[in-house]
C-alpha atoms as a PDB file:
ATOM      1  CA  MET A   1      10.072 -11.159  -4.968  1.00  0.00           C
ATOM      2  CA  PRO A   2       7.447 -10.176  -7.571  1.00  0.00           C
ATOM      3  CA  GLY A   3       5.207  -8.285  -5.127  1.00  0.00           C
ATOM      4  CA  GLN A   4       8.120  -6.217  -3.852  1.00  0.00           C
ATOM      5  CA  ARG A   5       9.099  -5.293  -7.393  1.00  0.00           C
ATOM      6  CA  LEU A   6       5.545  -4.146  -8.086  1.00  0.00           C
ATOM      7  CA  ALA A   7       5.540  -2.145  -4.838  1.00  0.00           C
ATOM      8  CA  ARG A   8       8.739  -0.393  -5.888  1.00  0.00           C
ATOM      9  CA  GLY A   9       7.293   0.612  -9.255  1.00  0.00           C
ATOM     10  CA  VAL A  10       4.073   1.842  -7.631  1.00  0.00           C
ATOM     11  CA  ALA A  11       6.003   3.816  -4.992  1.00  0.00           C
ATOM     12  CA  ARG A  12       8.033   5.500  -7.737  1.00  0.00           C
ATOM     13  CA  ALA A  13       4.927   6.443  -9.710  1.00  0.00           C
ATOM     14  CA  LEU A  14       3.095   7.715  -6.637  1.00  0.00           C
ATOM     15  CA  ARG A  15       6.112   9.806  -5.613  1.00  0.00           C
ATOM     16  CA  ALA A  16       5.784  11.587  -8.949  1.00  0.00           C
ATOM     17  CA  LEU A  17       2.205  12.429  -7.852  1.00  0.00           C
ATOM     18  CA  ASP A  18       3.537  13.847  -4.547  1.00  0.00           C
ATOM     19  CA  PHE A  19       2.557  10.792  -2.470  1.00  0.00           C
ATOM     20  CA  VAL A  20       4.903   9.182   0.038  1.00  0.00           C
ATOM     21  CA  THR A  21       4.696   5.468   0.781  1.00  0.00           C
ATOM     22  CA  VAL A  22       5.630   2.808   3.302  1.00  0.00           C
ATOM     23  CA  GLU A  23       5.710  -0.913   2.632  1.00  0.00           C
ATOM     24  CA  GLU A  24       4.231  -3.624   4.831  1.00  0.00           C
ATOM     25  CA  MET A  25       2.256  -1.252   7.023  1.00  0.00           C
ATOM     26  CA  VAL A  26       0.230  -2.805   9.855  1.00  0.00           C
ATOM     27  CA  PRO A  27      -2.901  -0.682  10.430  1.00  0.00           C
ATOM     28  CA  VAL A  28      -4.160  -3.091  13.147  1.00  0.00           C
ATOM     29  CA  SER A  29      -2.991  -6.422  14.469  1.00  0.00           C
ATOM     30  CA  GLY A  30      -3.653  -9.167  11.932  1.00  0.00           C
ATOM     31  CA  LEU A  31      -3.592  -6.925   8.852  1.00  0.00           C
ATOM     32  CA  ARG A  32      -0.529  -5.937   6.842  1.00  0.00           C
ATOM     33  CA  VAL A  33      -0.949  -3.924   3.665  1.00  0.00           C
ATOM     34  CA  ASP A  34       1.655  -4.144   0.929  1.00  0.00           C
ATOM     35  CA  LEU A  35       1.861  -0.394   0.414  1.00  0.00           C
ATOM     36  CA  MET A  36       0.230   2.524   2.184  1.00  0.00           C
ATOM     37  CA  ALA A  37       0.425   5.913   0.497  1.00  0.00           C
ATOM     38  CA  LEU A  38      -0.081   9.346   2.003  1.00  0.00           C
ATOM     39  CA  GLY A  39      -1.039  12.115  -0.396  1.00  0.00           C
ATOM     40  CA  PRO A  40      -0.322  15.836  -0.325  1.00  0.00           C
ATOM     41  CA  LYS A  41      -3.786  16.612   1.061  1.00  0.00           C
ATOM     42  CA  GLY A  42      -3.663  13.879   3.718  1.00  0.00           C
ATOM     43  CA  GLU A  43      -5.422  11.237   1.626  1.00  0.00           C
ATOM     44  CA  VAL A  44      -4.608   7.637   2.539  1.00  0.00           C
ATOM     45  CA  TRP A  45      -4.440   4.961  -0.142  1.00  0.00           C
ATOM     46  CA  VAL A  46      -3.835   1.239   0.309  1.00  0.00           C
ATOM     47  CA  ILE A  47      -2.272  -0.710  -2.528  1.00  0.00           C
ATOM     48  CA  GLU A  48      -2.169  -4.509  -2.597  1.00  0.00           C
ATOM     49  CA  CYS A  49       0.386  -5.966  -5.000  1.00  0.00           C
ATOM     50  CA  LYS A  50      -0.563  -9.250  -6.664  1.00  0.00           C
ATOM     51  CA  SER A  51       1.873 -11.238  -8.758  1.00  0.00           C
ATOM     52  CA  GLY A  52      -0.651 -13.627 -10.272  1.00  0.00           C
ATOM     53  CA  ARG A  53      -3.964 -15.434 -10.092  1.00  0.00           C
ATOM     54  CA  ALA A  54      -2.909 -17.746  -7.223  1.00  0.00           C
ATOM     55  CA  ASP A  55      -1.582 -14.821  -5.177  1.00  0.00           C
ATOM     56  CA  PHE A  56      -4.882 -12.972  -5.647  1.00  0.00           C
ATOM     57  CA  ARG A  57      -7.046 -15.982  -4.782  1.00  0.00           C
ATOM     58  CA  ALA A  58      -5.014 -16.639  -1.621  1.00  0.00           C
ATOM     59  CA  ASP A  59      -5.709 -13.119  -0.300  1.00  0.00           C
ATOM     60  CA  GLN A  60      -8.634 -13.449   2.104  1.00  0.00           C
ATOM     61  CA  LYS A  61      -8.012 -10.235   4.066  1.00  0.00           C
ATOM     62  CA  TRP A  62      -8.187  -7.489   1.467  1.00  0.00           C
ATOM     63  CA  GLN A  63     -11.721  -6.359   2.363  1.00  0.00           C
ATOM     64  CA  GLY A  64     -10.501  -5.659   5.891  1.00  0.00           C
ATOM     65  CA  TYR A  65      -8.151  -3.036   4.448  1.00  0.00           C
ATOM     66  CA  LEU A  66     -11.025  -0.932   3.113  1.00  0.00           C
ATOM     67  CA  GLU A  67     -11.760   0.644   6.494  1.00  0.00           C
ATOM     68  CA  PHE A  68      -8.163   1.918   6.687  1.00  0.00           C
ATOM     69  CA  CYS A  69      -7.984   3.986   3.515  1.00  0.00           C
ATOM     70  CA  ASP A  70      -9.726   6.622   1.436  1.00  0.00           C
ATOM     71  CA  ARG A  71      -9.075   4.581  -1.719  1.00  0.00           C
ATOM     72  CA  PHE A  72      -8.045   0.972  -2.339  1.00  0.00           C
ATOM     73  CA  PHE A  73      -6.012  -0.253  -5.323  1.00  0.00           C
ATOM     74  CA  TRP A  74      -4.665  -3.481  -6.735  1.00  0.00           C
ATOM     75  CA  ALA A  75      -1.232  -3.280  -8.337  1.00  0.00           C
ATOM     76  CA  VAL A  76      -0.601  -5.975 -10.926  1.00  0.00           C
ATOM     77  CA  ASP A  77       1.648  -6.526 -13.923  1.00  0.00           C
ATOM     78  CA  ALA A  78       0.521  -6.401 -17.546  1.00  0.00           C
ATOM     79  CA  ASP A  79      -0.050 -10.192 -17.677  1.00  0.00           C
ATOM     80  CA  PHE A  80      -2.450 -10.312 -14.720  1.00  0.00           C
ATOM     81  CA  PRO A  81      -6.068 -11.290 -15.548  1.00  0.00           C
ATOM     82  CA  THR A  82      -7.643  -8.002 -14.401  1.00  0.00           C
ATOM     83  CA  GLU A  83     -11.188  -9.356 -14.845  1.00  0.00           C
ATOM     84  CA  LEU A  84     -10.634 -11.124 -11.487  1.00  0.00           C
ATOM     85  CA  LEU A  85     -10.408  -7.827  -9.623  1.00  0.00           C
ATOM     86  CA  PRO A  86     -13.566  -6.650  -7.833  1.00  0.00           C
ATOM     87  CA  GLU A  87     -15.573  -3.719  -9.167  1.00  0.00           C
ATOM     88  CA  GLY A  88     -15.145  -0.487  -7.273  1.00  0.00           C
ATOM     89  CA  THR A  89     -11.500  -1.145  -6.495  1.00  0.00           C
ATOM     90  CA  GLY A  90      -8.667   0.737  -8.114  1.00  0.00           C
ATOM     91  CA  LEU A  91      -6.252  -0.742 -10.623  1.00  0.00           C
ATOM     92  CA  ILE A  92      -2.597   0.100 -11.099  1.00  0.00           C
ATOM     93  CA  LEU A  93      -0.519  -1.581 -13.805  1.00  0.00           C
ATOM     94  CA  ALA A  94       3.066  -1.783 -12.617  1.00  0.00           C
ATOM     95  CA  ASP A  95       6.491  -3.247 -13.082  1.00  0.00           C
ATOM     96  CA  ALA A  96       9.626  -2.831 -10.987  1.00  0.00           C
ATOM     97  CA  TYR A  97      10.353   0.617 -12.404  1.00  0.00           C
ATOM     98  CA  ASP A  98       7.089   2.461 -12.887  1.00  0.00           C
ATOM     99  CA  ALA A  99       3.318   2.222 -12.726  1.00  0.00           C
ATOM    100  CA  GLU A 100       0.178   3.750 -14.151  1.00  0.00           C
ATOM    101  CA  ILE A 101      -3.183   4.248 -12.456  1.00  0.00           C
ATOM    102  CA  VAL A 102      -5.681   2.670 -14.840  1.00  0.00           C
ATOM    103  CA  ARG A 103      -8.768   2.930 -12.630  1.00  0.00           C
ATOM    104  CA  MET A 104      -9.292   4.985  -9.480  1.00  0.00           C
ATOM    105  CA  GLY A 105     -10.753   3.128  -6.527  1.00  0.00           C
ATOM    106  CA  GLU A 106     -13.989   4.406  -5.069  1.00  0.00           C
ATOM    107  CA  GLU A 107     -13.456   7.174  -2.558  1.00  0.00           C
ATOM    108  CA  THR A 108     -14.642   6.360   0.959  1.00  0.00           C
ATOM    109  CA  PRO A 109     -13.273   9.088   3.244  1.00  0.00           C
ATOM    110  CA  LEU A 110     -11.875   7.993   6.586  1.00  0.00           C
ATOM    111  CA  ALA A 111     -13.414   9.250   9.799  1.00  0.00           C
ATOM    112  CA  GLY A 112     -11.309  11.923  11.493  1.00  0.00           C
ATOM    113  CA  ALA A 113     -10.258   9.802  14.471  1.00  0.00           C
ATOM    114  CA  ARG A 114      -9.251   6.873  12.260  1.00  0.00           C
ATOM    115  CA  ARG A 115      -7.291   9.194   9.948  1.00  0.00           C
ATOM    116  CA  LYS A 116      -5.435  10.697  12.913  1.00  0.00           C
ATOM    117  CA  ALA A 117      -4.534   7.253  14.273  1.00  0.00           C
ATOM    118  CA  LEU A 118      -3.381   6.039  10.839  1.00  0.00           C
ATOM    119  CA  LEU A 119      -1.253   9.106  10.228  1.00  0.00           C
ATOM    120  CA  HIS A 120       0.384   8.579  13.624  1.00  0.00           C
ATOM    121  CA  LYS A 121       1.122   4.923  12.778  1.00  0.00           C
ATOM    122  CA  PHE A 122       2.350   5.895   9.318  1.00  0.00           C
ATOM    123  CA  ALA A 123       4.786   8.443  10.761  1.00  0.00           C
ATOM    124  CA  ARG A 124       6.093   6.057  13.422  1.00  0.00           C
ATOM    125  CA  HIS A 125       6.452   3.239  10.879  1.00  0.00           C
ATOM    126  CA  ALA A 126       8.358   5.481   8.472  1.00  0.00           C
ATOM    127  CA  ALA A 127      10.595   6.850  11.237  1.00  0.00           C
ATOM    128  CA  ALA A 128      11.357   3.347  12.551  1.00  0.00           C
ATOM    129  CA  ARG A 129      12.269   2.197   9.035  1.00  0.00           C
ATOM    130  CA  LEU A 130      14.557   5.185   8.571  1.00  0.00           C
ATOM    131  CA  HIS A 131      16.178   4.563  11.949  1.00  0.00           C
ATOM    132  CA  ALA A 132      16.794   0.900  11.107  1.00  0.00           C
ATOM    133  CA  TYR A 133      18.287   1.918   7.762  1.00  0.00           C
ATOM    134  CA  ARG A 134      20.598   4.466   9.355  1.00  0.00           C
ATOM    135  CA  ASP A 135      21.493   2.257  12.339  1.00  0.00           C
ATOM    136  CA  PRO A 136      21.128  -1.430  11.435  1.00  0.00           C
ATOM    137  CA  GLY A 137      22.252  -2.463  14.946  1.00  0.00           C
ATOM    138  CA  ILE A 138      19.210  -0.832  16.582  1.00  0.00           C
ATOM    139  CA  ALA A 139      17.162  -4.067  16.420  1.00  0.00           C
ATOM    140  CA  ALA A 140      19.571  -5.750  18.821  1.00  0.00           C
ATOM    141  CA  LEU A 141      19.146  -2.899  21.298  1.00  0.00           C
ATOM    142  CA  ILE A 142      15.340  -2.867  21.351  1.00  0.00           C
ATOM    143  CA  GLY A 143      14.282  -6.398  20.927  1.00  0.00           C
END
């Protein structure tokens, strides 16, 4: 899927910047971000991957993600009409293999309690993904 290919390229580029990422992170019920990144100093970034104009216009939840990150970014390919993207949000140009941060999103630092809760969810999400990768039969045992 196009969004997953963009997420892969962004994750690769962010890893080179010493960030780690998880895909399809659920910060709270009803919200699922495409990519959440954790930086070397504990910074939390949310990246929404959009494959085209229709995909962007269909996204009605993105503003709800702002309270769950220090910076928010859109990841799009080179053909995306970037003039559609809201001011103050970050922009990453990506493909399936790499990405480049074109514009940093505005920094809005998370409150300490929210950061702690997000880092806990991030760690559990990443550990659960690793467990499922290492033991694909685990899903049948827990649910």
